[in-house]
Amino acid sequence: MQKTSNLCNYCYRIYNAFTRSVLIINIFHITVLILQLNLHLLFANGQIAINDLECHKPLIEILVSPMISSEKIRELELLWIVDNTEPNDWVALYDKDPVKYKETKPIFQSKITNNINWIQTNIQEKRDYSSLPFYSVCMGYWSVYWRNYSSYNNTNKNIIITASCLRTFPTWMKDRRSSLKKLTLKDMFIPGTHDAAAYLISYYPFKETIYQKYVYTQDEMILDQLIMGVRYLDIRIGLYNNTYWVNHGSVTLHPLSHILNQVKHYMDHTEEIVIIDFHRFPVGFKTDSDHISFAKYLINELKDYMAENIISWSATLEDIWSTQKRLIVSYNHYLIFNQFRRLFWPQISHKWADAQSPNKLYSYLSQFMMERTPRNYLWAAMAELTPNTWSLVKYRKGLREMANAVNKNITILFHGNWGYACNIVAVDYFRSTGIIHAAVKWNECHANE
């Protein structure tokens, strides 16, 4: 059963028609009401002249659902955005590349009627790699948006409108160094994970406990998040008997040393630039001396990787690459930034809606997507719902269900105008979004402006 997204369909058509006729205008916004989502979204177009054809190509994405049960886990979904549909359009999922292997049959297919939409496939992801390599691979699944022209000329001819695979992006920055090097971090769309270290890995269906439903926000370990394309990690720290752990709120999850070892292993095998944001310290940090001790611990563990904060957020990627140290460590405490300014970078501003409904989240984030206003700091759109007592009743399946309620629309919005205006985008269960693909696309567009 298809779920429709009439808002994004309507806005996408209006945006295309508008930008093709006018390139440089004052900020103009359109507020529309979607009947299905009841969502108001503000699209902006202020003094922006971008290549519409390059930045708004048709696309199809393979997403991995966050939903889980005793029967199903990691279900694959297809999401597509195209300009228009024809009566015989259809989408398909394959376990071999249909372009390379012409006779490959789809493992799932469906006719479609909406030009912006998504569909569940009932196919569960099966991993072909025990550990992911440090070069880009297709992880065993390919998708195609097909157009059948049999009704026009009495021949059964299928044309590929757009295609993709379930791909990793371990080196997407380095691969585009020649074009991205002039950008600063505050110019970029940086894909990230909220509560990045709150992960639980399973490839087999199971029934979640109440604890698991509201503690875990990711289903990939840090190393695989980075290999898949994440470049911003939101980390929360707890201090217990002089030992540092990563937390989600007051809940202890993994030893911090395990997380840092994964980051270092990734940095040792790539030339990517990564941001770690130590933003909250929910347990054990009672005095300034606790923060000073932690800062010294981080310097001892990461000194061989930490980029020096010489010119702060005005540094271009090439400036950072030239130092041979590519790990940006932001610390959300004034004392640490002042005392260890050379190694710790300024606080990253979190735009957090504290929203329990998709409407409230989209409405809150839309105010920061009005235009691509120059800023002298990094900021993160925290694009996830936040549970409270009311949400425990509405979202009985926990944070997975809350992510499932917003992530596909988040994908569509950030593939659209929001992707032009944003900076960091941090999500729960990132594989159920297309923010990696969206970030790569929009950064290429920024570089070509």
Protein backbone atom coordinates (compact mmCIF):
# COMPACT_ATOMS: atom_id res chain seq x y z
CA MET A 1 0.00 0.00 0.00
CA GLN A 2 1.45 3.31 -1.04
CA LYS A 3 1.65 6.25 1.31
CA THR A 4 1.33 9.57 -0.46
CA SER A 5 3.01 12.87 0.26
CA ASN A 6 0.90 15.47 -1.52
CA LEU A 7 2.68 18.40 0.11
CA CYS A 8 6.06 17.57 -1.34
CA ASN A 9 4.49 16.68 -4.70
CA TYR A 10 2.78 20.08 -4.85
CA CYS A 11 5.78 22.06 -3.58
CA TYR A 12 8.19 20.31 -5.94
CA ARG A 13 6.11 21.19 -9.01
CA ILE A 14 5.69 24.82 -7.87
CA TYR A 15 9.41 25.11 -7.15
CA ASN A 16 10.45 23.79 -10.55
CA ALA A 17 8.06 26.10 -12.41
CA PHE A 18 9.11 29.08 -10.30
CA THR A 19 12.88 28.69 -10.50
CA ARG A 20 12.84 28.14 -14.24
CA SER A 21 11.24 31.53 -14.79
CA VAL A 22 13.01 33.65 -12.17
CA LEU A 23 16.57 33.25 -10.93
CA ILE A 24 17.24 36.26 -8.69
CA ILE A 25 14.36 37.54 -6.59
CA ASN A 26 13.55 38.74 -3.12
CA ILE A 27 12.64 36.05 -0.64
CA PHE A 28 9.35 34.57 -1.65
CA HIS A 29 7.61 31.93 0.39
CA ILE A 30 4.74 29.57 -0.21
CA THR A 31 2.75 28.12 2.66
CA VAL A 32 0.72 25.09 1.76
CA LEU A 33 -1.50 22.75 3.72
CA ILE A 34 -1.25 19.02 3.15
CA LEU A 35 -4.44 17.11 3.89
CA GLN A 36 -2.62 13.91 4.74
CA LEU A 37 0.05 15.38 7.02
CA ASN A 38 -1.61 18.71 7.83
CA LEU A 39 1.81 20.28 7.53
CA HIS A 40 2.78 23.86 6.72
CA LEU A 41 6.05 24.19 4.90
CA LEU A 42 7.79 27.32 3.84
CA PHE A 43 9.87 27.14 0.69
CA ALA A 44 12.26 29.97 0.04
CA ASN A 45 13.99 31.36 -2.98
CA GLY A 46 16.03 34.38 -1.96
CA GLN A 47 18.78 35.61 -4.27
CA ILE A 48 19.56 32.02 -5.20
CA ALA A 49 20.71 31.07 -8.67
CA ILE A 50 21.41 27.36 -8.89
CA ASN A 51 21.44 24.84 -11.69
CA ASP A 52 17.91 23.48 -11.45
CA LEU A 53 18.57 20.58 -13.81
CA GLU A 54 21.63 19.39 -11.88
CA CYS A 55 20.25 19.85 -8.38
CA HIS A 56 16.75 18.55 -9.02
CA LYS A 57 17.32 15.46 -11.09
CA PRO A 58 14.87 12.55 -10.79
CA LEU A 59 15.89 10.13 -8.07
CA ILE A 60 15.02 6.82 -6.50
CA GLU A 61 16.37 5.81 -3.09
CA ILE A 62 16.57 2.50 -1.25
CA LEU A 63 15.87 3.12 2.44
CA VAL A 64 16.10 0.71 5.37
CA SER A 65 13.05 0.90 7.63
CA PRO A 66 13.71 1.43 11.34
CA MET A 67 10.67 -0.68 12.25
CA ILE A 68 11.26 -4.02 13.92
CA SER A 69 9.17 -6.94 15.17
CA SER A 70 9.57 -10.58 16.06
CA GLU A 71 8.97 -11.37 12.35
CA LYS A 72 10.67 -8.56 10.47
CA ILE A 73 13.75 -6.31 10.62
CA ARG A 74 15.56 -3.98 8.20
CA GLU A 75 12.79 -3.95 5.61
CA LEU A 76 13.79 -2.21 2.39
CA GLU A 77 11.68 0.67 1.11
CA LEU A 78 11.73 2.61 -2.15
CA LEU A 79 11.34 6.40 -2.30
CA TRP A 80 11.27 8.39 -5.53
CA ILE A 81 11.06 11.99 -6.69
CA VAL A 82 10.40 12.68 -10.38
CA ASP A 83 8.91 15.62 -12.28
CA ASN A 84 5.84 13.78 -13.51
CA THR A 85 4.37 10.32 -13.91
CA GLU A 86 3.07 8.45 -16.93
CA PRO A 87 0.35 5.77 -16.83
CA ASN A 88 2.77 2.85 -17.13
CA ASP A 89 5.51 4.00 -14.73
CA TRP A 90 6.75 1.44 -12.22
CA VAL A 91 9.49 0.96 -9.66
CA ALA A 92 11.49 -2.16 -8.93
CA LEU A 93 14.03 -3.59 -6.50
CA TYR A 94 16.74 -6.04 -7.61
CA ASP A 95 19.40 -8.19 -5.97
CA LYS A 96 21.67 -7.80 -9.03
CA ASP A 97 22.47 -4.73 -11.09
CA PRO A 98 19.79 -4.70 -13.83
CA VAL A 99 21.85 -2.35 -15.98
CA LYS A 100 24.84 -4.70 -16.01
CA TYR A 101 22.81 -7.92 -16.02
CA LYS A 102 20.01 -7.27 -18.48
CA GLU A 103 18.06 -10.45 -17.73
CA THR A 104 17.86 -9.83 -13.99
CA LYS A 105 14.33 -10.16 -12.63
CA PRO A 106 13.07 -7.82 -9.90
CA ILE A 107 12.56 -9.19 -6.41
CA PHE A 108 9.90 -6.51 -5.94
CA GLN A 109 8.00 -4.27 -8.33
CA SER A 110 4.99 -1.99 -8.25
CA LYS A 111 3.15 0.34 -10.57
CA ILE A 112 3.07 3.89 -9.26
CA THR A 113 0.77 6.88 -9.66
CA ASN A 114 2.44 9.65 -7.67
CA ASN A 115 5.61 11.44 -8.72
CA ILE A 116 6.79 11.83 -5.10
CA ASN A 117 6.10 8.84 -2.93
CA TRP A 118 7.43 5.77 -1.16
CA ILE A 119 6.50 2.12 -0.82
CA GLN A 120 7.36 -0.83 1.38
CA THR A 121 8.81 -3.90 -0.35
CA ASN A 122 8.50 -6.61 2.32
CA ILE A 123 12.11 -7.52 1.47
CA GLN A 124 14.49 -7.67 4.41
CA GLU A 125 18.09 -6.52 3.96
CA LYS A 126 20.70 -9.24 3.97
CA ARG A 127 24.28 -8.12 4.51
CA ASP A 128 26.88 -9.43 2.09
CA TYR A 129 29.79 -7.97 4.06
CA SER A 130 30.82 -8.96 7.57
CA SER A 131 32.73 -5.70 7.66
CA LEU A 132 32.30 -2.86 5.20
CA PRO A 133 35.31 -1.88 3.08
CA PHE A 134 36.78 1.62 2.89
CA TYR A 135 35.77 2.03 -0.73
CA SER A 136 32.28 2.59 -2.07
CA VAL A 137 30.21 -0.52 -2.75
CA CYS A 138 26.63 -1.39 -3.60
CA MET A 139 25.36 -3.49 -0.70
CA GLY A 140 23.49 -6.08 -2.71
CA TYR A 141 20.41 -4.11 -3.80
CA TRP A 142 19.56 -1.93 -6.80
CA SER A 143 16.45 0.13 -7.61
CA VAL A 144 15.06 1.49 -10.86
CA TYR A 145 12.27 3.88 -11.78
CA TRP A 146 10.97 2.54 -15.13
CA ARG A 147 8.78 4.14 -17.78
CA ASN A 148 6.98 1.82 -20.16
CA TYR A 149 6.21 3.20 -23.63
CA SER A 150 4.10 0.30 -24.91
CA SER A 151 0.96 2.45 -25.00
CA TYR A 152 2.62 4.88 -27.44
CA ASN A 153 4.05 2.67 -30.17
CA ASN A 154 2.74 -0.84 -29.46
CA THR A 155 6.16 -2.03 -28.32
CA ASN A 156 6.91 -3.19 -24.82
CA LYS A 157 9.89 -0.92 -24.24
CA ASN A 158 10.99 0.07 -20.71
CA ILE A 159 13.18 3.16 -20.24
CA ILE A 160 15.18 3.87 -17.07
CA ILE A 161 14.23 7.29 -15.72
CA THR A 162 16.54 7.00 -12.71
CA ALA A 163 18.37 4.24 -10.85
CA SER A 164 20.46 3.74 -7.72
CA CYS A 165 21.87 1.12 -5.41
CA LEU A 166 22.11 0.73 -1.65
CA ARG A 167 25.55 2.34 -1.62
CA THR A 168 28.19 3.18 0.94
CA PHE A 169 29.99 6.55 0.85
CA PRO A 170 33.21 6.06 2.82
CA THR A 171 35.20 8.68 0.88
CA TRP A 172 32.65 11.06 -0.61
CA MET A 173 34.56 14.17 0.51
CA LYS A 174 37.96 13.03 -0.73
CA ASP A 175 36.45 11.77 -4.00
CA ARG A 176 35.23 15.33 -4.70
CA ARG A 177 38.20 17.18 -3.22
CA SER A 178 38.90 19.18 -6.38
CA SER A 179 35.42 20.73 -6.30
CA LEU A 180 34.65 20.76 -2.56
CA LYS A 181 38.01 22.10 -1.34
CA LYS A 182 36.92 25.76 -1.59
CA LEU A 183 33.87 25.24 0.64
CA THR A 184 33.90 25.94 4.36
CA LEU A 185 32.17 23.63 6.81
CA LYS A 186 29.50 26.26 7.40
CA ASP A 187 28.81 26.31 3.65
CA MET A 188 28.14 22.58 3.52
CA PHE A 189 25.30 20.15 3.99
CA ILE A 190 26.81 17.74 6.53
CA PRO A 191 24.88 14.51 7.20
CA GLY A 192 24.84 13.45 10.83
CA THR A 193 23.37 11.21 13.47
CA HIS A 194 21.57 12.29 16.61
CA ASP A 195 22.73 10.37 19.70
CA ALA A 196 25.12 8.64 17.34
CA ALA A 197 26.46 6.18 19.92
CA ALA A 198 23.02 5.02 21.04
CA TYR A 199 23.12 2.07 18.66
CA LEU A 200 21.85 -1.47 18.87
CA ILE A 201 22.92 -3.83 16.09
CA SER A 202 20.82 -6.80 15.06
CA TYR A 203 20.28 -8.55 11.74
CA TYR A 204 17.60 -10.90 13.03
CA PRO A 205 14.03 -10.02 14.07
CA PHE A 206 13.32 -9.68 17.77
CA LYS A 207 10.73 -8.13 20.04
CA GLU A 208 11.97 -4.93 21.66
CA THR A 209 11.69 -4.34 25.37
CA ILE A 210 10.35 -1.05 26.71
CA TYR A 211 13.94 -0.12 27.55
CA GLN A 212 15.13 -0.76 24.00
CA LYS A 213 12.23 1.17 22.47
CA TYR A 214 13.22 4.45 24.08
CA VAL A 215 17.00 4.20 24.46
CA TYR A 216 18.36 3.34 21.01
CA THR A 217 18.39 5.80 18.11
CA GLN A 218 20.64 4.06 15.54
CA ASP A 219 21.08 0.53 14.19
CA GLU A 220 24.66 0.84 12.91
CA MET A 221 27.86 1.15 14.92
CA ILE A 222 29.92 4.32 14.61
CA LEU A 223 32.42 2.85 12.14
CA ASP A 224 29.66 1.77 9.75
CA GLN A 225 27.87 5.10 10.14
CA LEU A 226 31.02 6.81 8.90
CA ILE A 227 31.58 4.33 6.08
CA MET A 228 27.99 4.84 4.96
CA GLY A 229 28.57 8.60 4.72
CA VAL A 230 27.83 10.23 8.09
CA ARG A 231 30.27 13.05 8.90
CA TYR A 232 28.77 14.52 12.09
CA LEU A 233 28.46 12.55 15.34
CA ASP A 234 26.36 13.87 18.22
CA ILE A 235 27.81 12.25 21.37
CA ARG A 236 26.54 12.43 24.97
CA ILE A 237 28.93 11.57 27.81
CA GLY A 238 28.50 10.14 31.31
CA LEU A 239 31.20 10.01 34.00
CA TYR A 240 31.15 6.98 36.31
CA ASN A 241 33.95 6.38 38.82
CA ASN A 242 36.52 8.16 36.67
CA THR A 243 35.46 6.20 33.56
CA TYR A 244 33.76 7.76 30.55
CA TRP A 245 30.76 6.17 28.88
CA VAL A 246 28.44 7.27 26.12
CA ASN A 247 24.91 7.88 27.31
CA HIS A 248 21.43 8.48 26.03
CA GLY A 249 20.11 10.74 28.75
CA SER A 250 20.89 9.03 32.05
CA VAL A 251 21.20 5.58 30.44
CA THR A 252 24.73 4.14 30.08
CA LEU A 253 25.40 2.47 26.72
CA HIS A 254 29.01 1.86 25.58
CA PRO A 255 32.47 2.68 26.94
CA LEU A 256 33.65 5.87 25.25
CA SER A 257 36.96 4.20 24.45
CA HIS A 258 35.11 1.79 22.10
CA ILE A 259 33.57 4.73 20.24
CA LEU A 260 36.83 6.65 19.92
CA ASN A 261 38.63 3.55 18.67
CA GLN A 262 36.07 3.21 15.87
CA VAL A 263 36.54 6.86 14.90
CA LYS A 264 40.33 6.51 14.90
CA HIS A 265 40.16 3.34 12.84
CA TYR A 266 38.06 5.16 10.26
CA MET A 267 40.38 8.17 10.21
CA ASP A 268 43.38 5.88 9.74
CA HIS A 269 41.84 4.41 6.57
CA THR A 270 40.41 7.50 4.87
CA GLU A 271 41.12 11.18 4.27
CA GLU A 272 37.63 12.34 5.28
CA ILE A 273 36.84 15.25 7.60
CA VAL A 274 34.70 14.23 10.59
CA ILE A 275 33.01 16.32 13.29
CA ILE A 276 32.43 15.00 16.81
CA ASP A 277 30.12 17.16 18.89
CA PHE A 278 30.38 16.57 22.64
CA HIS A 279 27.20 18.45 23.34
CA ARG A 280 25.72 17.12 26.57
CA PHE A 281 27.11 15.61 29.75
CA PRO A 282 24.06 14.20 31.54
CA VAL A 283 25.74 12.19 34.32
CA GLY A 284 28.74 12.82 36.56
CA PHE A 285 29.93 16.23 35.34
CA LYS A 286 29.36 18.31 38.44
CA THR A 287 32.24 20.77 38.41
CA ASP A 288 34.48 22.58 35.95
CA SER A 289 37.32 20.30 36.94
CA ASP A 290 35.31 17.33 35.62
CA HIS A 291 35.21 19.01 32.22
CA ILE A 292 38.89 19.91 32.34
CA SER A 293 39.82 16.31 33.15
CA PHE A 294 37.66 15.06 30.29
CA ALA A 295 39.18 17.54 27.85
CA LYS A 296 42.66 16.32 28.81
CA TYR A 297 41.51 12.73 28.31
CA LEU A 298 40.23 13.57 24.81
CA ILE A 299 43.48 15.33 23.91
CA ASN A 300 45.47 12.32 25.06
CA GLU A 301 43.30 9.94 23.02
CA LEU A 302 42.81 12.06 19.91
CA LYS A 303 45.78 14.44 19.67
CA ASP A 304 47.11 12.72 16.55
CA TYR A 305 43.80 13.34 14.76
CA MET A 306 42.46 16.65 16.11
CA ALA A 307 42.47 19.53 13.65
CA GLU A 308 43.66 22.73 15.25
CA ASN A 309 41.15 25.52 15.59
CA ILE A 310 43.27 28.12 13.78
CA ILE A 311 40.70 29.98 11.72
CA SER A 312 37.62 28.33 13.16
CA TRP A 313 34.56 27.78 10.99
CA SER A 314 35.97 30.02 8.25
CA ALA A 315 38.45 27.28 7.36
CA THR A 316 37.93 25.69 3.95
CA LEU A 317 38.12 21.95 3.50
CA GLU A 318 41.47 22.46 1.78
CA ASP A 319 42.72 24.38 4.84
CA ILE A 320 41.81 21.42 7.02
CA TRP A 321 43.22 18.82 4.63
CA SER A 322 46.50 20.73 4.44
CA THR A 323 47.06 20.28 8.21
CA GLN A 324 46.99 16.46 7.86
CA LYS A 325 44.58 16.34 10.81
CA ARG A 326 40.92 16.04 9.99
CA LEU A 327 38.96 15.40 13.19
CA ILE A 328 36.96 18.45 14.31
CA VAL A 329 36.12 18.20 18.02
CA SER A 330 33.46 20.60 19.28
CA TYR A 331 32.92 20.87 23.04
CA ASN A 332 29.79 22.49 24.43
CA HIS A 333 31.26 24.17 27.50
CA TYR A 334 32.63 27.70 27.59
CA LEU A 335 35.53 26.87 29.92
CA ILE A 336 36.94 24.15 27.67
CA PHE A 337 36.73 26.25 24.55
CA ASN A 338 38.45 29.16 26.31
CA GLN A 339 41.15 27.09 28.00
CA PHE A 340 41.88 24.66 25.15
CA ARG A 341 40.98 26.88 22.22
CA ARG A 342 43.71 25.54 19.97
CA LEU A 343 42.28 22.02 19.81
CA PHE A 344 38.59 22.36 20.63
CA TRP A 345 36.25 24.08 18.21
CA PRO A 346 33.33 26.33 19.16
CA GLN A 347 29.93 25.12 20.23
CA ILE A 348 27.63 23.90 17.45
CA SER A 349 24.17 25.43 17.70
CA HIS A 350 21.43 22.80 17.90
CA LYS A 351 18.08 23.74 16.36
CA TRP A 352 15.93 21.39 18.42
CA ALA A 353 12.15 21.50 18.22
CA ASP A 354 11.40 19.29 21.24
CA ALA A 355 8.51 18.14 19.05
CA GLN A 356 6.24 15.16 19.57
CA SER A 357 4.40 15.49 16.26
CA PRO A 358 5.64 15.66 12.65
CA ASN A 359 3.72 18.93 12.12
CA LYS A 360 5.51 20.68 14.95
CA LEU A 361 8.92 19.41 13.84
CA TYR A 362 8.50 20.51 10.22
CA SER A 363 7.05 23.88 11.23
CA TYR A 364 9.93 24.54 13.63
CA LEU A 365 12.66 23.56 11.16
CA SER A 366 11.06 25.54 8.32
CA GLN A 367 11.96 28.85 9.99
CA PHE A 368 15.67 28.02 9.57
CA MET A 369 15.20 27.03 5.93
CA MET A 370 13.89 30.40 4.75
CA GLU A 371 17.07 31.18 2.90
CA ARG A 372 20.70 30.24 2.87
CA THR A 373 21.73 33.08 5.15
CA PRO A 374 25.49 33.33 5.74
CA ARG A 375 26.41 32.42 9.31
CA ASN A 376 29.71 32.52 11.15
CA TYR A 377 29.05 29.32 13.07
CA LEU A 378 27.94 25.73 12.49
CA TRP A 379 24.36 24.79 13.26
CA ALA A 380 22.55 21.48 13.31
CA ALA A 381 18.94 20.81 12.35
CA MET A 382 17.97 18.14 14.86
CA ALA A 383 15.48 16.44 12.56
CA GLU A 384 13.86 13.96 14.93
CA LEU A 385 10.90 13.73 17.29
CA THR A 386 11.41 13.81 21.05
CA PRO A 387 9.40 11.50 23.35
CA ASN A 388 7.41 12.65 26.33
CA THR A 389 4.56 11.13 28.34
CA TRP A 390 2.02 11.83 25.57
CA SER A 391 4.22 10.23 22.89
CA LEU A 392 4.50 7.04 24.97
CA VAL A 393 0.80 6.60 24.25
CA LYS A 394 0.82 7.66 20.59
CA TYR A 395 4.08 5.95 19.58
CA ARG A 396 3.84 2.65 21.40
CA LYS A 397 6.72 1.20 19.37
CA GLY A 398 9.07 3.89 20.63
CA LEU A 399 11.80 5.87 18.90
CA ARG A 400 11.73 3.62 15.84
CA GLU A 401 8.09 4.47 15.21
CA MET A 402 8.80 8.16 15.80
CA ALA A 403 11.63 8.07 13.26
CA ASN A 404 9.42 6.20 10.81
CA ALA A 405 6.78 8.93 11.16
CA VAL A 406 9.11 11.66 9.86
CA ASN A 407 12.17 10.28 8.06
CA LYS A 408 10.75 9.81 4.58
CA ASN A 409 9.37 13.33 4.53
CA ILE A 410 12.68 14.57 5.96
CA THR A 411 14.34 12.88 2.96
CA ILE A 412 12.03 14.63 0.49
CA LEU A 413 12.39 18.02 2.15
CA PHE A 414 16.20 17.91 2.24
CA HIS A 415 16.41 16.68 -1.32
CA GLY A 416 14.37 19.82 -2.06
CA ASN A 417 15.03 23.42 -1.02
CA TRP A 418 15.87 22.58 2.56
CA GLY A 419 18.99 20.84 1.30
CA TYR A 420 20.19 24.14 -0.14
CA ALA A 421 19.64 26.10 3.08
CA CYS A 422 20.79 23.66 5.76
CA ASN A 423 24.14 23.03 7.43
CA ILE A 424 24.31 19.92 9.63
CA VAL A 425 21.31 17.58 9.60
CA ALA A 426 21.17 15.03 12.43
CA VAL A 427 18.59 12.25 12.40
CA ASP A 428 17.58 9.08 14.21
CA TYR A 429 17.93 5.80 12.29
CA PHE A 430 19.74 7.52 9.44
CA ARG A 431 19.41 4.61 7.03
CA SER A 432 15.65 5.24 6.86
CA THR A 433 16.48 8.65 5.35
CA GLY A 434 18.23 9.71 2.16
CA ILE A 435 20.26 12.51 3.76
CA ILE A 436 23.60 11.03 2.65
CA HIS A 437 22.64 11.16 -1.03
CA ALA A 438 21.03 14.57 -0.52
CA ALA A 439 24.18 15.97 1.13
CA VAL A 440 26.48 14.70 -1.61
CA LYS A 441 24.20 16.18 -4.28
CA TRP A 442 23.78 19.60 -2.65
CA ASN A 443 27.47 19.95 -1.80
CA GLU A 444 28.30 19.39 -5.46
CA CYS A 445 25.77 22.09 -6.30
CA HIS A 446 27.27 24.50 -3.73
CA ALA A 447 30.72 23.89 -5.20
CA ASN A 448 29.48 24.76 -8.69
CA GLU A 449 27.77 28.04 -7.75
